[in-house]
Amino acid sequence: MWKSFFIAAGIFACVAGLELLVIDSAVVLPINGQGATRVFMAPDWAPWTLISGGAITLLNFCSLPIKSAGQVPRPH
């Protein structure tokens, strides 16, 4: 369970970092449609931090042996 959670978090971080690398800003609309909109601009370091953190998480948990990942090995 934990291994799949961290793999999903790593993929999400990589995808979010790639998206922030492509866009300059995003307009956030309120849920109910009323009120002021906000403009989100990520700092310059955010995309690279998300990409590298996600890649490290993916590489770490994909390279773990089965026993230390908390999974029970299946008999052959």
C-alpha atoms as a PDB file:
ATOM      1  CA  MET A   1       0.000   0.000   0.000  1.00  0.00           C
ATOM      2  CA  TRP A   2       2.733   2.475   0.919  1.00  0.00           C
ATOM      3  CA  LYS A   3       4.759   1.667  -2.171  1.00  0.00           C
ATOM      4  CA  SER A   4       1.841   2.431  -4.482  1.00  0.00           C
ATOM      5  CA  PHE A   5       1.102   5.663  -2.581  1.00  0.00           C
ATOM      6  CA  PHE A   6       4.662   6.925  -2.971  1.00  0.00           C
ATOM      7  CA  ILE A   7       4.783   5.902  -6.628  1.00  0.00           C
ATOM      8  CA  ALA A   8       1.572   7.869  -7.233  1.00  0.00           C
ATOM      9  CA  ALA A   9       2.947  10.863  -5.299  1.00  0.00           C
ATOM     10  CA  GLY A  10       6.154  10.744  -7.352  1.00  0.00           C
ATOM     11  CA  ILE A  11       4.243  10.625 -10.636  1.00  0.00           C
ATOM     12  CA  PHE A  12       2.020  13.494  -9.483  1.00  0.00           C
ATOM     13  CA  ALA A  13       5.039  15.608  -8.501  1.00  0.00           C
ATOM     14  CA  CYS A  14       6.735  14.987 -11.860  1.00  0.00           C
ATOM     15  CA  VAL A  15       3.592  15.849 -13.825  1.00  0.00           C
ATOM     16  CA  ALA A  16       2.911  18.973 -11.739  1.00  0.00           C
ATOM     17  CA  GLY A  17       6.517  20.090 -12.217  1.00  0.00           C
ATOM     18  CA  LEU A  18       6.286  19.584 -15.975  1.00  0.00           C
ATOM     19  CA  GLU A  19       3.045  21.570 -16.072  1.00  0.00           C
ATOM     20  CA  LEU A  20       4.617  24.432 -14.110  1.00  0.00           C
ATOM     21  CA  LEU A  21       7.542  24.362 -16.515  1.00  0.00           C
ATOM     22  CA  VAL A  22       5.186  24.913 -19.468  1.00  0.00           C
ATOM     23  CA  ILE A  23       2.783  27.544 -18.093  1.00  0.00           C
ATOM     24  CA  ASP A  24       3.635  31.019 -16.789  1.00  0.00           C
ATOM     25  CA  SER A  25       0.546  31.635 -14.675  1.00  0.00           C
ATOM     26  CA  ALA A  26      -2.858  30.154 -13.913  1.00  0.00           C
ATOM     27  CA  VAL A  27      -6.126  31.906 -13.110  1.00  0.00           C
ATOM     28  CA  VAL A  28      -7.944  30.367 -10.136  1.00  0.00           C
ATOM     29  CA  LEU A  29     -11.722  30.841 -10.262  1.00  0.00           C
ATOM     30  CA  PRO A  30     -13.926  30.647  -7.160  1.00  0.00           C
ATOM     31  CA  ILE A  31     -16.024  27.498  -6.782  1.00  0.00           C
ATOM     32  CA  ASN A  32     -19.423  29.209  -6.648  1.00  0.00           C
ATOM     33  CA  GLY A  33     -18.644  31.503  -9.613  1.00  0.00           C
ATOM     34  CA  GLN A  34     -18.877  34.675  -7.542  1.00  0.00           C
ATOM     35  CA  GLY A  35     -16.011  36.667  -6.132  1.00  0.00           C
ATOM     36  CA  ALA A  36     -12.599  37.704  -7.265  1.00  0.00           C
ATOM     37  CA  THR A  37     -10.328  35.528  -9.344  1.00  0.00           C
ATOM     38  CA  ARG A  38      -6.745  34.963  -8.282  1.00  0.00           C
ATOM     39  CA  VAL A  39      -3.678  34.589 -10.447  1.00  0.00           C
ATOM     40  CA  PHE A  40      -1.194  31.885  -9.427  1.00  0.00           C
ATOM     41  CA  MET A  41       2.419  32.332 -10.479  1.00  0.00           C
ATOM     42  CA  ALA A  42       4.888  29.701  -9.315  1.00  0.00           C
ATOM     43  CA  PRO A  43       8.421  30.699  -8.320  1.00  0.00           C
ATOM     44  CA  ASP A  44      11.250  29.832 -10.713  1.00  0.00           C
ATOM     45  CA  TRP A  45      12.553  27.009  -8.506  1.00  0.00           C
ATOM     46  CA  ALA A  46       9.192  25.185  -8.108  1.00  0.00           C
ATOM     47  CA  PRO A  47       9.095  23.171 -11.379  1.00  0.00           C
ATOM     48  CA  TRP A  48      12.627  21.826 -10.998  1.00  0.00           C
ATOM     49  CA  THR A  49      12.084  20.984  -7.340  1.00  0.00           C
ATOM     50  CA  LEU A  50       8.884  19.052  -8.095  1.00  0.00           C
ATOM     51  CA  ILE A  51      10.442  17.191 -11.027  1.00  0.00           C
ATOM     52  CA  SER A  52      13.564  16.213  -9.092  1.00  0.00           C
ATOM     53  CA  GLY A  53      11.671  15.286  -5.919  1.00  0.00           C
ATOM     54  CA  GLY A  54       9.212  13.164  -7.892  1.00  0.00           C
ATOM     55  CA  ALA A  55      12.014  11.466  -9.826  1.00  0.00           C
ATOM     56  CA  ILE A  56      13.923  10.663  -6.635  1.00  0.00           C
ATOM     57  CA  THR A  57      10.768   9.250  -5.052  1.00  0.00           C
ATOM     58  CA  LEU A  58      10.032   7.095  -8.102  1.00  0.00           C
ATOM     59  CA  LEU A  59      13.586   5.817  -8.415  1.00  0.00           C
ATOM     60  CA  ASN A  60      13.832   5.062  -4.699  1.00  0.00           C
ATOM     61  CA  PHE A  61      10.612   3.094  -4.405  1.00  0.00           C
ATOM     62  CA  CYS A  62      10.966   1.318  -7.757  1.00  0.00           C
ATOM     63  CA  SER A  63      14.404   0.064  -6.763  1.00  0.00           C
ATOM     64  CA  LEU A  64      13.364  -1.286  -3.351  1.00  0.00           C
ATOM     65  CA  PRO A  65      13.388  -5.040  -2.919  1.00  0.00           C
ATOM     66  CA  ILE A  66      10.031  -6.675  -2.317  1.00  0.00           C
ATOM     67  CA  LYS A  67      10.653  -7.414   1.379  1.00  0.00           C
ATOM     68  CA  SER A  68      11.507  -3.828   2.377  1.00  0.00           C
ATOM     69  CA  ALA A  69       8.519  -2.457   0.466  1.00  0.00           C
ATOM     70  CA  GLY A  70       6.153  -4.262   2.848  1.00  0.00           C
ATOM     71  CA  GLN A  71       4.897  -6.767   0.300  1.00  0.00           C
ATOM     72  CA  VAL A  72       4.848 -10.494   0.770  1.00  0.00           C
ATOM     73  CA  PRO A  73       6.718 -12.387  -1.968  1.00  0.00           C
ATOM     74  CA  ARG A  74       4.650 -14.883  -3.923  1.00  0.00           C
ATOM     75  CA  PRO A  75       5.836 -18.497  -4.112  1.00  0.00           C
ATOM     76  CA  HIS A  76       6.986 -19.664  -7.535  1.00  0.00           C
END
